[in-house]
Structure formats: C-alpha cells, structure tokens
C-alpha cells in the first residue's frame, strides 16, 4: 500500500515561513491529484490546498495568498510553502489525495508561537 512521509515542520514565530515536503511510495504518483491537510486535536482533517495533475491549484480561504502548493512528479513529492504564518496555523500537517485517501502518514508538526 502507498506510504506517505511528511517532513519540514517545526517551531516558527508569527510572520515566519516553513516549507513542508511529502514523498509518496507509489510509481503512479504523477496520475494523482494531491493535497495538504492539517489537523488539530479534537477536529477532523481540514483541507488546506490541492494540486491537480496539471498543476492547477486551489486553496482554503484561510491560507490563500500565504501558502503555495507545488509538486515534483520526478521525485514523487508534493510541497507546501507556508509564508506569513499565524498562530492559527499551528497543527499537524499531512499530505494525501483529495479523495479516496491513502493511509495517512505520521504528519509533521507546525507550531507558530512567539
């Protein structure tokens, strides 16, 4: 089954930036739309950004203009550049498909705090 490995999280001050990475263990990665989600304790996964196989992107209203999703099919990877981070962005971030989820990875913790 497909494995997803996220990395790049950390502690950052408000207004700072982070770049998250996710690598998928599937040779058919280029055939799949991909997305980034985030989750805080007690809540469901929340869709943050999505990228199609044609590099068309969509964003949740609360990150639009601050986050950028990209992909590199040669590396079977999807990225999330997060700029102008806010304390409300604190969460565990995951990648997956927008629908018909693969098994979730371990995620990567992003903490925005002064």
C-alpha atoms as a PDB file:
ATOM      1  CA  UNK A   1       0.000   0.000   0.000  1.00  0.00           C
ATOM      2  CA  UNK A   2       1.055   3.597  -0.510  1.00  0.00           C
ATOM      3  CA  UNK A   3       3.119   5.221   2.219  1.00  0.00           C
ATOM      4  CA  UNK A   4       3.224   8.976   2.723  1.00  0.00           C
ATOM      5  CA  UNK A   5       6.121  10.613   4.569  1.00  0.00           C
ATOM      6  CA  UNK A   6       5.824  14.256   5.571  1.00  0.00           C
ATOM      7  CA  UNK A   7       8.667  16.432   6.820  1.00  0.00           C
ATOM      8  CA  UNK A   8       9.735  20.023   7.281  1.00  0.00           C
ATOM      9  CA  UNK A   9       7.643  21.116  10.233  1.00  0.00           C
ATOM     10  CA  UNK A  10       8.956  22.936  13.254  1.00  0.00           C
ATOM     11  CA  UNK A  11       8.611  25.890  15.569  1.00  0.00           C
ATOM     12  CA  UNK A  12       8.426  29.292  13.938  1.00  0.00           C
ATOM     13  CA  UNK A  13       7.490  32.780  15.056  1.00  0.00           C
ATOM     14  CA  UNK A  14       4.412  34.528  13.688  1.00  0.00           C
ATOM     15  CA  UNK A  15       5.209  36.005  10.300  1.00  0.00           C
ATOM     16  CA  UNK A  16       7.805  33.338   9.585  1.00  0.00           C
ATOM     17  CA  UNK A  17       7.987  30.689   6.884  1.00  0.00           C
ATOM     18  CA  UNK A  18       8.296  26.931   6.560  1.00  0.00           C
ATOM     19  CA  UNK A  19       8.433  24.552   3.627  1.00  0.00           C
ATOM     20  CA  UNK A  20       6.812  21.169   4.066  1.00  0.00           C
ATOM     21  CA  UNK A  21       7.632  18.138   1.940  1.00  0.00           C
ATOM     22  CA  UNK A  22       5.791  14.891   1.346  1.00  0.00           C
ATOM     23  CA  UNK A  23       7.059  11.872  -0.547  1.00  0.00           C
ATOM     24  CA  UNK A  24       4.758   9.088  -1.714  1.00  0.00           C
ATOM     25  CA  UNK A  25       5.785   5.482  -2.301  1.00  0.00           C
ATOM     26  CA  UNK A  26       3.823   4.965  -5.500  1.00  0.00           C
ATOM     27  CA  UNK A  27       5.115   4.814  -9.054  1.00  0.00           C
ATOM     28  CA  UNK A  28       1.797   6.246 -10.270  1.00  0.00           C
ATOM     29  CA  UNK A  29       2.203   9.478  -8.290  1.00  0.00           C
ATOM     30  CA  UNK A  30       2.006  11.638 -11.410  1.00  0.00           C
ATOM     31  CA  UNK A  31      -1.517  10.319 -12.106  1.00  0.00           C
ATOM     32  CA  UNK A  32      -2.946  11.608  -8.841  1.00  0.00           C
ATOM     33  CA  UNK A  33      -4.250  14.925  -7.593  1.00  0.00           C
ATOM     34  CA  UNK A  34      -2.597  15.708  -4.259  1.00  0.00           C
ATOM     35  CA  UNK A  35      -3.476  17.851  -1.282  1.00  0.00           C
ATOM     36  CA  UNK A  36      -2.259  19.123   2.044  1.00  0.00           C
ATOM     37  CA  UNK A  37      -4.414  18.859   5.117  1.00  0.00           C
ATOM     38  CA  UNK A  38      -3.987  19.904   8.693  1.00  0.00           C
ATOM     39  CA  UNK A  39      -5.419  18.637  11.924  1.00  0.00           C
ATOM     40  CA  UNK A  40      -5.669  19.972  15.437  1.00  0.00           C
ATOM     41  CA  UNK A  41      -6.645  17.836  18.436  1.00  0.00           C
ATOM     42  CA  UNK A  42     -10.337  17.049  18.559  1.00  0.00           C
ATOM     43  CA  UNK A  43     -11.027  18.051  14.972  1.00  0.00           C
ATOM     44  CA  UNK A  44     -11.114  16.326  11.608  1.00  0.00           C
ATOM     45  CA  UNK A  45      -8.562  16.752   8.864  1.00  0.00           C
ATOM     46  CA  UNK A  46      -9.003  20.160   7.235  1.00  0.00           C
ATOM     47  CA  UNK A  47      -8.179  20.656   3.566  1.00  0.00           C
ATOM     48  CA  UNK A  48      -5.541  23.357   3.116  1.00  0.00           C
ATOM     49  CA  UNK A  49      -4.510  23.182  -0.537  1.00  0.00           C
ATOM     50  CA  UNK A  50      -4.897  20.966  -3.567  1.00  0.00           C
ATOM     51  CA  UNK A  51      -2.939  20.495  -6.786  1.00  0.00           C
ATOM     52  CA  UNK A  52      -4.072  18.669  -9.897  1.00  0.00           C
ATOM     53  CA  UNK A  53      -2.006  16.601 -12.290  1.00  0.00           C
ATOM     54  CA  UNK A  54      -1.881  19.703 -14.495  1.00  0.00           C
ATOM     55  CA  UNK A  55      -0.525  21.865 -11.641  1.00  0.00           C
ATOM     56  CA  UNK A  56      -3.794  23.713 -11.155  1.00  0.00           C
ATOM     57  CA  UNK A  57      -4.034  24.768  -7.520  1.00  0.00           C
ATOM     58  CA  UNK A  58      -6.785  25.670  -5.094  1.00  0.00           C
ATOM     59  CA  UNK A  59      -6.543  26.912  -1.525  1.00  0.00           C
ATOM     60  CA  UNK A  60      -8.678  27.168   1.549  1.00  0.00           C
ATOM     61  CA  UNK A  61      -9.704  30.759   2.164  1.00  0.00           C
ATOM     62  CA  UNK A  62      -7.740  30.928   5.396  1.00  0.00           C
ATOM     63  CA  UNK A  63      -4.371  30.282   3.653  1.00  0.00           C
ATOM     64  CA  UNK A  64      -4.942  31.849   0.255  1.00  0.00           C
ATOM     65  CA  UNK A  65      -2.186  34.297  -0.585  1.00  0.00           C
ATOM     66  CA  UNK A  66       0.099  32.909   2.131  1.00  0.00           C
ATOM     67  CA  UNK A  67       0.637  29.237   1.198  1.00  0.00           C
ATOM     68  CA  UNK A  68       1.776  27.725  -2.102  1.00  0.00           C
ATOM     69  CA  UNK A  69       1.419  24.078  -3.097  1.00  0.00           C
ATOM     70  CA  UNK A  70       3.712  22.578  -5.732  1.00  0.00           C
ATOM     71  CA  UNK A  71       4.658  19.116  -6.887  1.00  0.00           C
ATOM     72  CA  UNK A  72       7.639  17.340  -8.441  1.00  0.00           C
ATOM     73  CA  UNK A  73       6.473  14.154 -10.113  1.00  0.00           C
ATOM     74  CA  UNK A  74      10.056  13.028 -10.777  1.00  0.00           C
ATOM     75  CA  UNK A  75      10.548  12.861  -7.000  1.00  0.00           C
ATOM     76  CA  UNK A  76       7.010  11.689  -6.233  1.00  0.00           C
ATOM     77  CA  UNK A  77       6.777  14.675  -3.941  1.00  0.00           C
ATOM     78  CA  UNK A  78       4.390  17.470  -3.068  1.00  0.00           C
ATOM     79  CA  UNK A  79       5.409  20.612  -1.204  1.00  0.00           C
ATOM     80  CA  UNK A  80       3.736  23.341   0.808  1.00  0.00           C
ATOM     81  CA  UNK A  81       5.482  26.684   1.098  1.00  0.00           C
ATOM     82  CA  UNK A  82       3.980  28.495   4.061  1.00  0.00           C
ATOM     83  CA  UNK A  83       4.643  32.196   4.431  1.00  0.00           C
ATOM     84  CA  UNK A  84       3.347  34.823   6.855  1.00  0.00           C
ATOM     85  CA  UNK A  85       2.473  32.095   9.307  1.00  0.00           C
ATOM     86  CA  UNK A  86      -0.077  32.841  12.011  1.00  0.00           C
ATOM     87  CA  UNK A  87      -0.633  31.223  15.392  1.00  0.00           C
ATOM     88  CA  UNK A  88      -3.864  29.783  13.994  1.00  0.00           C
ATOM     89  CA  UNK A  89      -1.790  27.733  11.542  1.00  0.00           C
ATOM     90  CA  UNK A  90      -0.475  25.569  14.377  1.00  0.00           C
ATOM     91  CA  UNK A  91      -1.427  21.978  13.554  1.00  0.00           C
ATOM     92  CA  UNK A  92      -0.111  18.664  12.313  1.00  0.00           C
ATOM     93  CA  UNK A  93       0.121  18.800   8.542  1.00  0.00           C
ATOM     94  CA  UNK A  94      -0.482  15.812   6.286  1.00  0.00           C
ATOM     95  CA  UNK A  95      -0.482  15.157   2.576  1.00  0.00           C
ATOM     96  CA  UNK A  96      -2.867  12.812   0.790  1.00  0.00           C
ATOM     97  CA  UNK A  97      -5.120  12.631  -2.192  1.00  0.00           C
ATOM     98  CA  UNK A  98      -8.141  14.958  -2.159  1.00  0.00           C
ATOM     99  CA  UNK A  99     -10.458  11.951  -2.368  1.00  0.00           C
ATOM    100  CA  UNK A 100     -10.153   8.201  -1.793  1.00  0.00           C
ATOM    101  CA  UNK A 101      -7.469   8.717   0.804  1.00  0.00           C
ATOM    102  CA  UNK A 102      -4.429   6.552   1.049  1.00  0.00           C
ATOM    103  CA  UNK A 103      -3.382   5.540   4.580  1.00  0.00           C
ATOM    104  CA  UNK A 104      -2.362   8.676   6.462  1.00  0.00           C
ATOM    105  CA  UNK A 105       1.292   9.293   7.188  1.00  0.00           C
ATOM    106  CA  UNK A 106       2.633  10.453  10.520  1.00  0.00           C
ATOM    107  CA  UNK A 107       2.296  14.099   9.583  1.00  0.00           C
ATOM    108  CA  UNK A 108       4.636  16.922  10.505  1.00  0.00           C
ATOM    109  CA  UNK A 109       4.024  19.278  13.412  1.00  0.00           C
ATOM    110  CA  UNK A 110       3.929  23.002  12.701  1.00  0.00           C
ATOM    111  CA  UNK A 111       3.910  25.278  15.724  1.00  0.00           C
ATOM    112  CA  UNK A 112       3.602  29.025  15.294  1.00  0.00           C
ATOM    113  CA  UNK A 113       4.373  30.829  18.513  1.00  0.00           C
ATOM    114  CA  UNK A 114       6.219  33.848  19.772  1.00  0.00           C
END
